[in-house]
């Protein structure tokens, strides 16, 4: 390792330590939580004017260091490149992931698509910057070189002040003759420990896009995610949704940022991932001793290398998950199958899964664990659920109440698949386990159903199955 590379790595550790403190402020806490799941690494083989990019490692996304944010080592080494500039780049790259920009690229030209997404992302970061400044924050996040937001394209902002990435891309295609594109020398170099970012040779190639009329230049990469990275991007969104709901419910987020995140996460994340999110949120994580595989991040900024705390999922002692399935006749076989597949996968997190199948009565009371969960799939395929009449949740709530009286500590979570046409609103608070929301509870509302109203959302969560054109029965 050369002296320059060693000094850059040292500078990254120092500035990263300050950036982490900045990311714990109320304005940026959501990003701080999510960015802890990524390595922040230097790319020493990109042009001086290049910025940053995301590469997924292919590791389990429930672990730390699920992906890496690569930052231009030549920028990091500059004395006037501060932790506030680093924070700006980190948030910028995280917003690309949360907006599914890798997956949304499709067959579009990578350079113009990445230029379009940089433009729309920077508008959001500019709003964060302006709000921080308005609220009296002195150390506001800012791009390198001052408060000018270099990736915002003035002509686009004039014609499409609130344009989406897709709309900006079309604008760029229609006006491409006004821009001159040239590859920057020294780009696309391969770092020996760097995962493939999608360009095929290590790091991405970098290009300068110059407006022929104004002379303004933009630096953009040809980064394009492969299939595995797109899957990782979707999983990262799912994990972010869980963090967002937790922070939002506690009021630890500015209203404008909360509305923005609500919109992009709600649109992009399907109900199946939201349900998986809900289950993972209530899996108990316990320390598994000190480990050199996970270094202590607290002491790293002080140039001290110490073992950190490893974590593992506690697969014993998390009790029973109650699953209620409403078979009143309005739930498609496809919805039932999708729901069941998630439950089958979730059994690894719990001692047992208790499935209660009901309409106005409980017709089936089934218990599964990791050894016999395949029987659940066999039931769906060969027998199906019993019932088909009207719907009442009173019998199933009574059943849960009995289990609660016998051993309240054994019940970890309740999930109900229903069309919402039931008596939940009238009976919800009449039971020991439901009054006061003593068990984390989620209602999955079918595409043809209705939301359960007149109950505070803090008492239980509702996840809606979207009504899509391909939702026919299997």
Protein backbone atom coordinates (compact mmCIF):
# COMPACT_ATOMS: atom_id res chain seq x y z
CA UNK A 1 0.00 0.00 0.00
CA UNK A 2 1.48 3.37 -1.05
CA UNK A 3 1.90 6.26 1.37
CA UNK A 4 -0.80 8.21 -0.49
CA UNK A 5 -3.32 5.37 -0.20
CA UNK A 6 -2.48 4.86 3.48
CA UNK A 7 -2.94 8.57 4.20
CA UNK A 8 -6.24 8.60 2.29
CA UNK A 9 -7.54 5.64 4.29
CA UNK A 10 -6.55 7.40 7.50
CA UNK A 11 -8.32 10.58 6.39
CA UNK A 12 -11.44 8.57 5.52
CA UNK A 13 -11.53 7.05 9.01
CA UNK A 14 -11.17 10.46 10.68
CA UNK A 15 -13.78 12.19 8.51
CA UNK A 16 -16.12 9.18 8.72
CA UNK A 17 -16.06 9.43 12.51
CA UNK A 18 -17.28 13.04 12.35
CA UNK A 19 -19.80 12.16 9.62
CA UNK A 20 -21.34 9.46 11.84
CA UNK A 21 -21.90 12.03 14.58
CA UNK A 22 -23.53 14.36 12.05
CA UNK A 23 -25.79 11.52 10.90
CA UNK A 24 -27.11 11.07 14.45
CA UNK A 25 -28.80 14.50 14.38
CA UNK A 26 -32.61 14.57 14.15
CA UNK A 27 -32.60 15.88 10.58
CA UNK A 28 -30.43 13.01 9.31
CA UNK A 29 -31.06 10.16 11.78
CA UNK A 30 -32.92 8.01 9.24
CA UNK A 31 -29.92 8.10 6.90
CA UNK A 32 -27.55 7.48 9.79
CA UNK A 33 -29.32 4.25 10.73
CA UNK A 34 -29.36 2.96 7.17
CA UNK A 35 -25.82 4.01 6.30
CA UNK A 36 -24.41 1.99 9.19
CA UNK A 37 -25.27 -1.11 7.12
CA UNK A 38 -22.72 -0.13 4.47
CA UNK A 39 -18.97 -0.03 4.33
CA UNK A 40 -17.63 3.42 3.45
CA UNK A 41 -14.62 2.78 1.28
CA UNK A 42 -12.18 4.71 -0.87
CA UNK A 43 -11.76 4.02 -4.59
CA UNK A 44 -8.19 4.99 -5.42
CA UNK A 45 -8.53 4.36 -9.17
CA UNK A 46 -11.04 6.96 -10.33
CA UNK A 47 -10.52 10.45 -11.83
CA UNK A 48 -10.06 13.42 -9.52
CA UNK A 49 -13.42 14.96 -10.49
CA UNK A 50 -15.41 11.74 -9.91
CA UNK A 51 -17.74 11.37 -6.94
CA UNK A 52 -19.12 8.19 -5.37
CA UNK A 53 -21.12 5.07 -6.21
CA UNK A 54 -22.74 2.04 -4.53
CA UNK A 55 -21.67 -1.57 -5.00
CA UNK A 56 -23.41 -4.48 -3.29
CA UNK A 57 -21.24 -7.27 -1.93
CA UNK A 58 -23.78 -10.06 -2.19
CA UNK A 59 -23.73 -10.67 1.56
CA UNK A 60 -26.89 -11.26 3.56
CA UNK A 61 -28.61 -7.88 3.72
CA UNK A 62 -29.59 -8.45 7.37
CA UNK A 63 -25.89 -8.18 8.23
CA UNK A 64 -23.71 -5.11 8.48
CA UNK A 65 -21.70 -4.18 5.41
CA UNK A 66 -24.41 -5.40 3.03
CA UNK A 67 -22.98 -3.09 0.42
CA UNK A 68 -20.22 -0.56 -0.02
CA UNK A 69 -20.33 3.12 -0.83
CA UNK A 70 -17.13 3.85 -2.74
CA UNK A 71 -15.85 7.41 -2.42
CA UNK A 72 -13.25 9.06 -4.59
CA UNK A 73 -9.97 8.68 -2.73
CA UNK A 74 -8.49 11.75 -4.44
CA UNK A 75 -11.31 13.89 -3.05
CA UNK A 76 -11.07 12.45 0.45
CA UNK A 77 -7.39 13.28 0.63
CA UNK A 78 -7.95 16.99 -0.01
CA UNK A 79 -7.52 19.11 3.15
CA UNK A 80 -10.66 21.15 2.43
CA UNK A 81 -12.81 18.03 1.91
CA UNK A 82 -14.70 17.90 5.22
CA UNK A 83 -16.98 15.44 6.98
CA UNK A 84 -19.91 17.59 5.79
CA UNK A 85 -18.90 16.92 2.17
CA UNK A 86 -18.59 13.22 3.01
CA UNK A 87 -22.07 13.25 4.58
CA UNK A 88 -23.45 14.84 1.43
CA UNK A 89 -22.04 12.05 -0.76
CA UNK A 90 -23.28 9.32 1.60
CA UNK A 91 -26.85 10.64 1.62
CA UNK A 92 -26.74 11.12 -2.14
CA UNK A 93 -25.83 7.48 -2.74
CA UNK A 94 -28.36 6.21 -0.18
CA UNK A 95 -31.15 8.13 -1.95
CA UNK A 96 -30.27 6.38 -5.21
CA UNK A 97 -30.86 3.04 -3.47
CA UNK A 98 -34.09 4.14 -1.78
CA UNK A 99 -35.45 5.40 -5.11
CA UNK A 100 -34.64 2.10 -6.90
CA UNK A 101 -32.65 3.99 -9.51
CA UNK A 102 -30.61 0.89 -10.35
CA UNK A 103 -33.71 -1.23 -10.98
CA UNK A 104 -35.59 1.56 -12.74
CA UNK A 105 -32.83 2.08 -15.31
CA UNK A 106 -34.08 -0.78 -17.47
CA UNK A 107 -32.75 -0.49 -21.02
CA UNK A 108 -32.07 3.24 -20.79
CA UNK A 109 -28.63 4.65 -21.58
CA UNK A 110 -26.69 4.43 -18.28
CA UNK A 111 -24.91 7.78 -18.66
CA UNK A 112 -28.01 9.88 -19.31
CA UNK A 113 -30.06 7.92 -16.78
CA UNK A 114 -27.43 8.44 -14.07
CA UNK A 115 -27.23 12.14 -14.97
CA UNK A 116 -31.02 12.40 -14.66
CA UNK A 117 -31.11 10.62 -11.30
CA UNK A 118 -28.23 12.76 -9.97
CA UNK A 119 -30.30 15.82 -10.85
CA UNK A 120 -33.45 14.72 -9.01
CA UNK A 121 -31.51 13.42 -5.99
CA UNK A 122 -29.63 16.68 -5.63
CA UNK A 123 -32.89 18.62 -5.50
CA UNK A 124 -33.84 16.60 -2.40
CA UNK A 125 -30.44 17.11 -0.76
CA UNK A 126 -30.65 20.83 -1.50
CA UNK A 127 -33.96 20.91 0.40
CA UNK A 128 -32.32 19.13 3.36
CA UNK A 129 -29.43 21.62 3.24
CA UNK A 130 -31.81 24.61 3.10
CA UNK A 131 -33.96 23.29 5.97
CA UNK A 132 -30.88 22.74 8.13
CA UNK A 133 -29.75 26.28 7.45
CA UNK A 134 -33.22 27.69 8.13
CA UNK A 135 -33.30 25.87 11.48
CA UNK A 136 -30.06 27.50 12.56
CA UNK A 137 -27.71 24.56 11.98
CA UNK A 138 -24.22 25.91 11.37
CA UNK A 139 -22.55 22.75 10.05
CA UNK A 140 -24.96 22.02 7.18
CA UNK A 141 -24.29 19.22 4.68
CA UNK A 142 -22.86 20.60 1.47
CA UNK A 143 -21.25 19.26 -1.72
CA UNK A 144 -17.52 19.66 -2.12
CA UNK A 145 -16.59 23.14 -3.29
CA UNK A 146 -19.31 25.10 -1.50
CA UNK A 147 -23.10 25.26 -1.39
CA UNK A 148 -23.55 25.25 -5.17
CA UNK A 149 -25.39 22.07 -6.10
CA UNK A 150 -23.37 21.14 -9.15
CA UNK A 151 -25.50 18.25 -10.42
CA UNK A 152 -28.71 20.27 -10.75
CA UNK A 153 -29.24 21.09 -14.43
CA UNK A 154 -30.66 24.67 -14.63
CA UNK A 155 -32.36 24.13 -18.01
CA UNK A 156 -34.13 21.03 -16.72
CA UNK A 157 -35.09 22.78 -13.49
CA UNK A 158 -36.64 25.57 -15.57
CA UNK A 159 -38.65 23.23 -17.82
CA UNK A 160 -39.36 20.44 -15.27
CA UNK A 161 -39.14 21.93 -11.76
CA UNK A 162 -40.56 18.76 -10.18
CA UNK A 163 -39.73 16.27 -12.91
CA UNK A 164 -39.21 12.59 -12.12
CA UNK A 165 -36.05 10.74 -13.15
CA UNK A 166 -37.94 9.27 -16.11
CA UNK A 167 -39.14 12.71 -17.25
CA UNK A 168 -35.67 14.25 -16.88
CA UNK A 169 -34.19 11.36 -18.87
CA UNK A 170 -36.60 11.98 -21.76
CA UNK A 171 -35.69 15.69 -21.64
CA UNK A 172 -31.99 14.78 -21.88
CA UNK A 173 -32.63 12.42 -24.80
CA UNK A 174 -34.53 15.15 -26.64
CA UNK A 175 -31.76 17.68 -25.97
CA UNK A 176 -28.73 15.44 -26.25
CA UNK A 177 -27.30 17.43 -29.19
CA UNK A 178 -26.68 20.27 -26.75
CA UNK A 179 -24.30 18.12 -24.72
CA UNK A 180 -20.83 16.81 -25.41
CA UNK A 181 -19.79 13.56 -23.69
CA UNK A 182 -16.17 12.50 -23.20
CA UNK A 183 -14.61 9.74 -21.10
CA UNK A 184 -12.35 10.94 -18.31
CA UNK A 185 -8.81 9.52 -18.33
CA UNK A 186 -7.93 7.07 -15.60
CA UNK A 187 -11.49 5.78 -15.10
CA UNK A 188 -12.66 2.20 -14.83
CA UNK A 189 -9.60 1.03 -12.93
CA UNK A 190 -9.78 -2.20 -10.97
CA UNK A 191 -9.13 -2.28 -7.23
CA UNK A 192 -8.10 -5.76 -6.05
CA UNK A 193 -10.59 -5.90 -3.16
CA UNK A 194 -13.35 -4.00 -4.91
CA UNK A 195 -16.56 -5.83 -5.93
CA UNK A 196 -17.87 -5.52 -9.45
CA UNK A 197 -20.04 -2.42 -9.64
CA UNK A 198 -21.72 -3.47 -12.85
CA UNK A 199 -19.37 -2.10 -15.52
CA UNK A 200 -17.54 -5.40 -15.86
CA UNK A 201 -14.02 -4.36 -14.87
CA UNK A 202 -14.13 -3.36 -11.22
CA UNK A 203 -15.04 0.29 -10.77
CA UNK A 204 -17.29 2.17 -13.20
CA UNK A 205 -16.05 4.37 -16.01
CA UNK A 206 -16.48 8.12 -15.52
CA UNK A 207 -17.49 10.67 -18.13
CA UNK A 208 -17.74 14.42 -18.42
CA UNK A 209 -21.00 15.77 -19.83
CA UNK A 210 -20.58 19.37 -21.06
CA UNK A 211 -23.33 21.79 -22.05
CA UNK A 212 -22.11 23.26 -25.35
CA UNK A 213 -24.00 26.52 -24.82
CA UNK A 214 -23.26 27.32 -21.18
CA UNK A 215 -19.98 25.45 -20.74
CA UNK A 216 -21.21 23.87 -17.49
CA UNK A 217 -19.92 20.34 -16.92
CA UNK A 218 -21.24 17.32 -15.03
CA UNK A 219 -19.33 14.18 -14.04
CA UNK A 220 -21.28 10.92 -14.24
CA UNK A 221 -20.48 7.20 -14.22
CA UNK A 222 -21.70 4.33 -16.39
CA UNK A 223 -22.59 2.32 -13.25
CA UNK A 224 -25.29 -0.25 -13.97
CA UNK A 225 -26.53 -2.86 -11.50
CA UNK A 226 -26.64 -6.53 -12.43
CA UNK A 227 -29.50 -8.85 -11.43
CA UNK A 228 -28.03 -9.77 -8.03
CA UNK A 229 -27.37 -6.10 -7.19
CA UNK A 230 -30.94 -5.15 -8.13
CA UNK A 231 -32.22 -7.79 -5.72
CA UNK A 232 -29.94 -6.40 -3.02
CA UNK A 233 -31.23 -2.90 -3.78
CA UNK A 234 -34.82 -4.06 -3.24
CA UNK A 235 -33.86 -5.74 0.04
CA UNK A 236 -32.10 -2.57 1.20
CA UNK A 237 -35.33 -0.67 0.54
CA UNK A 238 -37.28 -3.18 2.58
CA UNK A 239 -34.89 -2.81 5.51
CA UNK A 240 -35.08 0.97 5.21
CA UNK A 241 -38.86 0.87 5.39
CA UNK A 242 -38.71 -0.80 8.81
CA UNK A 243 -36.30 1.87 10.08
CA UNK A 244 -38.46 4.63 8.61
CA UNK A 245 -41.63 3.41 10.32
CA UNK A 246 -39.84 3.21 13.66
CA UNK A 247 -38.40 6.73 13.44
CA UNK A 248 -41.58 8.24 12.02
CA UNK A 249 -43.76 6.82 14.81
CA UNK A 250 -41.46 8.38 17.40
CA UNK A 251 -41.59 11.78 15.71
CA UNK A 252 -37.82 11.86 15.10
CA UNK A 253 -37.97 13.23 11.57
CA UNK A 254 -38.71 16.57 9.87
CA UNK A 255 -42.18 16.65 8.32
CA UNK A 256 -41.02 17.39 4.77
CA UNK A 257 -38.46 14.60 4.74
CA UNK A 258 -41.00 12.21 6.29
CA UNK A 259 -43.51 12.93 3.49
CA UNK A 260 -40.85 12.40 0.84
CA UNK A 261 -39.67 9.08 2.28
CA UNK A 262 -43.26 7.92 2.81
CA UNK A 263 -43.92 8.46 -0.87
CA UNK A 264 -40.83 6.80 -2.35
CA UNK A 265 -40.87 3.82 0.01
CA UNK A 266 -44.60 3.27 -0.30
CA UNK A 267 -44.46 3.26 -4.10
CA UNK A 268 -41.44 1.07 -4.53
CA UNK A 269 -41.82 -1.65 -1.88
CA UNK A 270 -44.39 -4.42 -2.54
CA UNK A 271 -46.64 -5.70 0.23
CA UNK A 272 -44.79 -9.01 0.45
CA UNK A 273 -41.58 -7.23 1.40
CA UNK A 274 -43.42 -5.02 3.89
CA UNK A 275 -44.76 -8.14 5.60
CA UNK A 276 -41.30 -9.70 5.64
CA UNK A 277 -40.09 -6.39 7.13
CA UNK A 278 -42.68 -6.59 9.89
CA UNK A 279 -41.60 -10.10 10.81
CA UNK A 280 -37.90 -9.24 10.80
CA UNK A 281 -38.54 -6.20 13.00
CA UNK A 282 -39.69 -8.48 15.80
CA UNK A 283 -36.89 -11.03 15.57
CA UNK A 284 -34.79 -10.74 18.70
CA UNK A 285 -31.13 -9.89 18.08
CA UNK A 286 -28.66 -10.77 20.82
CA UNK A 287 -24.91 -10.13 21.28
CA UNK A 288 -22.76 -13.09 20.33
CA UNK A 289 -19.54 -12.02 21.98
CA UNK A 290 -16.60 -10.02 20.70
CA UNK A 291 -15.46 -10.68 17.16
CA UNK A 292 -12.54 -9.55 15.02
CA UNK A 293 -14.77 -10.12 11.97
CA UNK A 294 -16.80 -7.07 13.03
CA UNK A 295 -14.38 -4.36 14.20
CA UNK A 296 -15.42 -1.82 16.82
CA UNK A 297 -16.63 1.21 14.84
CA UNK A 298 -16.60 3.49 17.90
CA UNK A 299 -12.81 3.38 18.29
CA UNK A 300 -11.97 3.30 14.56
CA UNK A 301 -11.98 7.15 14.18
CA UNK A 302 -9.35 7.25 16.95
CA UNK A 303 -7.08 4.88 14.97
CA UNK A 304 -7.64 2.08 17.48
CA UNK A 305 -8.41 -1.37 16.07
CA UNK A 306 -10.44 -3.40 18.56
CA UNK A 307 -12.89 -6.31 18.20
CA UNK A 308 -16.55 -5.34 17.96
CA UNK A 309 -19.73 -7.03 19.15
CA UNK A 310 -21.00 -9.68 16.80
CA UNK A 311 -24.73 -10.24 16.56
CA UNK A 312 -26.78 -13.28 15.69
CA UNK A 313 -30.46 -13.96 15.31
CA UNK A 314 -31.99 -15.60 18.36
CA UNK A 315 -33.90 -18.52 16.84
CA UNK A 316 -34.87 -19.99 20.16
CA UNK A 317 -36.99 -18.29 22.76
CA UNK A 318 -38.88 -15.91 20.46
CA UNK A 319 -42.06 -17.83 21.11
CA UNK A 320 -45.10 -18.33 18.90
CA UNK A 321 -46.32 -16.36 15.94
CA UNK A 322 -50.11 -16.45 15.58
CA UNK A 323 -51.36 -16.42 11.98
CA UNK A 324 -55.04 -15.83 11.34
CA UNK A 325 -56.43 -16.60 7.88
CA UNK A 326 -59.87 -15.26 6.95
CA UNK A 327 -61.53 -17.64 4.47
CA UNK A 328 -64.74 -15.72 3.95
CA UNK A 329 -64.56 -16.27 0.21
CA UNK A 330 -63.13 -12.94 -0.98
CA UNK A 331 -59.44 -13.85 -0.89
CA UNK A 332 -57.85 -15.05 -4.13
CA UNK A 333 -55.75 -18.18 -4.25
CA UNK A 334 -52.78 -16.13 -5.42
CA UNK A 335 -52.99 -13.82 -2.41
CA UNK A 336 -53.29 -16.83 -0.10
CA UNK A 337 -50.30 -18.52 -1.74
CA UNK A 338 -48.12 -15.39 -1.51
CA UNK A 339 -49.07 -14.91 2.12
CA UNK A 340 -48.39 -18.56 2.93
CA UNK A 341 -44.94 -18.51 1.31
CA UNK A 342 -43.88 -15.65 3.59
CA UNK A 343 -45.18 -17.49 6.66
CA UNK A 344 -43.32 -20.63 5.61
CA UNK A 345 -40.10 -18.66 5.33
CA UNK A 346 -40.70 -16.88 8.67
CA UNK A 347 -40.91 -20.10 10.70
CA UNK A 348 -37.12 -20.05 11.09
CA UNK A 349 -37.48 -17.04 13.40
CA UNK A 350 -39.97 -18.59 15.85
CA UNK A 351 -40.32 -21.70 17.98
CA UNK A 352 -43.75 -22.36 16.49
CA UNK A 353 -46.27 -20.87 14.08
CA UNK A 354 -49.92 -21.33 15.11
CA UNK A 355 -52.26 -21.05 12.09
CA UNK A 356 -55.93 -20.36 12.88
CA UNK A 357 -58.21 -20.62 9.85
CA UNK A 358 -61.63 -19.02 10.29
CA UNK A 359 -64.72 -17.37 8.92
CA UNK A 360 -67.39 -16.99 11.63
CA UNK A 361 -65.82 -20.01 13.39
CA UNK A 362 -62.28 -21.36 13.78
CA UNK A 363 -62.23 -24.31 11.39
CA UNK A 364 -58.57 -25.29 11.62
CA UNK A 365 -56.05 -24.89 14.43
CA UNK A 366 -52.68 -25.93 13.05
CA UNK A 367 -49.24 -25.78 14.64
CA UNK A 368 -45.95 -25.83 12.75
CA UNK A 369 -42.25 -25.54 13.45
CA UNK A 370 -39.16 -25.64 11.26
CA UNK A 371 -39.33 -29.44 11.05
CA UNK A 372 -42.87 -29.76 9.67
CA UNK A 373 -43.51 -26.41 7.97
CA UNK A 374 -43.59 -28.13 4.57
CA UNK A 375 -46.88 -29.69 5.68
CA UNK A 376 -48.33 -26.18 5.60
CA UNK A 377 -47.50 -25.89 1.92
CA UNK A 378 -48.89 -29.36 1.31
CA UNK A 379 -52.15 -28.34 2.99
CA UNK A 380 -52.52 -25.34 0.71
CA UNK A 381 -51.77 -27.38 -2.40
CA UNK A 382 -53.88 -30.45 -1.67
CA UNK A 383 -56.63 -29.43 0.75
CA UNK A 384 -56.85 -25.67 0.96
CA UNK A 385 -58.39 -23.76 3.82
CA UNK A 386 -61.77 -24.68 5.25
CA UNK A 387 -64.60 -22.16 5.57
CA UNK A 388 -66.09 -19.70 3.10
CA UNK A 389 -68.96 -18.08 4.99
CA UNK A 390 -69.15 -14.63 6.60
CA UNK A 391 -66.42 -13.23 8.81
CA UNK A 392 -66.04 -12.63 12.52
CA UNK A 393 -62.76 -12.25 14.34
CA UNK A 394 -64.35 -12.87 17.74
CA UNK A 395 -63.72 -16.68 17.78
CA UNK A 396 -60.08 -16.30 16.78
CA UNK A 397 -59.55 -13.44 19.26
CA UNK A 398 -61.08 -15.63 21.99
CA UNK A 399 -58.67 -18.41 21.05
CA UNK A 400 -55.69 -16.04 21.29
CA UNK A 401 -56.99 -14.79 24.64
CA UNK A 402 -56.93 -18.37 25.98
CA UNK A 403 -53.33 -18.78 24.81
CA UNK A 404 -52.49 -15.44 26.43
CA UNK A 405 -53.98 -16.52 29.75
CA UNK A 406 -51.99 -19.75 29.65
CA UNK A 407 -48.59 -18.20 28.85
CA UNK A 408 -48.47 -14.54 27.75
CA UNK A 409 -44.69 -14.56 27.37
CA UNK A 410 -44.86 -17.23 24.67
CA UNK A 411 -46.82 -15.08 22.18
CA UNK A 412 -44.48 -13.01 20.04
CA UNK A 413 -46.54 -11.69 17.16
CA UNK A 414 -49.95 -11.81 15.43
CA UNK A 415 -50.56 -11.53 11.67
CA UNK A 416 -54.04 -11.64 10.16
CA UNK A 417 -54.88 -12.05 6.48
CA UNK A 418 -58.36 -10.61 5.91
CA UNK A 419 -60.53 -8.58 3.57
CA UNK A 420 -61.36 -6.21 6.44
CA UNK A 421 -65.12 -6.84 6.25
CA UNK A 422 -65.37 -8.02 9.82
CA UNK A 423 -66.18 -6.95 13.37
CA UNK A 424 -62.61 -6.01 14.38
CA UNK A 425 -63.52 -2.37 15.04
CA UNK A 426 -66.27 -3.36 17.48
CA UNK A 427 -64.38 -6.03 19.43
CA UNK A 428 -60.68 -5.05 19.28
CA UNK A 429 -60.34 -3.65 22.79
CA UNK A 430 -62.46 -6.36 24.47
CA UNK A 431 -59.61 -8.82 24.97
CA UNK A 432 -56.72 -8.97 27.41
CA UNK A 433 -54.08 -9.47 24.72
CA UNK A 434 -55.36 -6.82 22.28
CA UNK A 435 -56.18 -4.05 24.76
CA UNK A 436 -53.07 -1.91 25.03
CA UNK A 437 -51.49 -3.61 22.03
CA UNK A 438 -49.61 -6.18 24.16
CA UNK A 439 -48.64 -8.29 21.14
CA UNK A 440 -47.21 -6.75 17.93
CA UNK A 441 -50.10 -7.13 15.48
CA UNK A 442 -50.40 -6.69 11.71
CA UNK A 443 -53.48 -6.93 9.48
CA UNK A 444 -52.77 -7.75 5.83
CA UNK A 445 -55.72 -6.36 3.85
CA UNK A 446 -56.51 -8.10 0.56
CA UNK A 447 -56.70 -6.19 -2.72
CA UNK A 448 -60.51 -6.41 -2.72
CA UNK A 449 -60.81 -5.51 0.96
CA UNK A 450 -61.13 -2.35 3.04
CA UNK A 451 -59.00 -0.80 5.75
CA UNK A 452 -60.01 -1.30 9.38
CA UNK A 453 -60.89 2.20 10.57
CA UNK A 454 -61.72 3.88 13.88
CA UNK A 455 -58.77 2.30 15.68
CA UNK A 456 -55.56 4.20 16.36
CA UNK A 457 -52.84 3.12 13.93
CA UNK A 458 -50.42 2.76 16.83
CA UNK A 459 -52.50 -0.16 18.14
CA UNK A 460 -51.79 -2.31 15.10
CA UNK A 461 -50.36 -1.90 11.60
CA UNK A 462 -52.14 -2.49 8.31
CA UNK A 463 -50.39 -3.68 5.15
CA UNK A 464 -52.38 -3.41 1.93
CA UNK A 465 -52.10 -5.86 -0.93
CA UNK A 466 -52.05 -3.78 -4.10
CA UNK A 467 -54.70 -4.42 -6.70
CA UNK A 468 -52.66 -5.36 -9.78
CA UNK A 469 -53.64 -6.62 -13.19
CA UNK A 470 -51.85 -9.93 -12.69
CA UNK A 471 -53.63 -10.86 -9.46
CA UNK A 472 -55.79 -13.58 -11.00
CA UNK A 473 -56.18 -16.86 -9.12
CA UNK A 474 -53.49 -19.45 -9.55
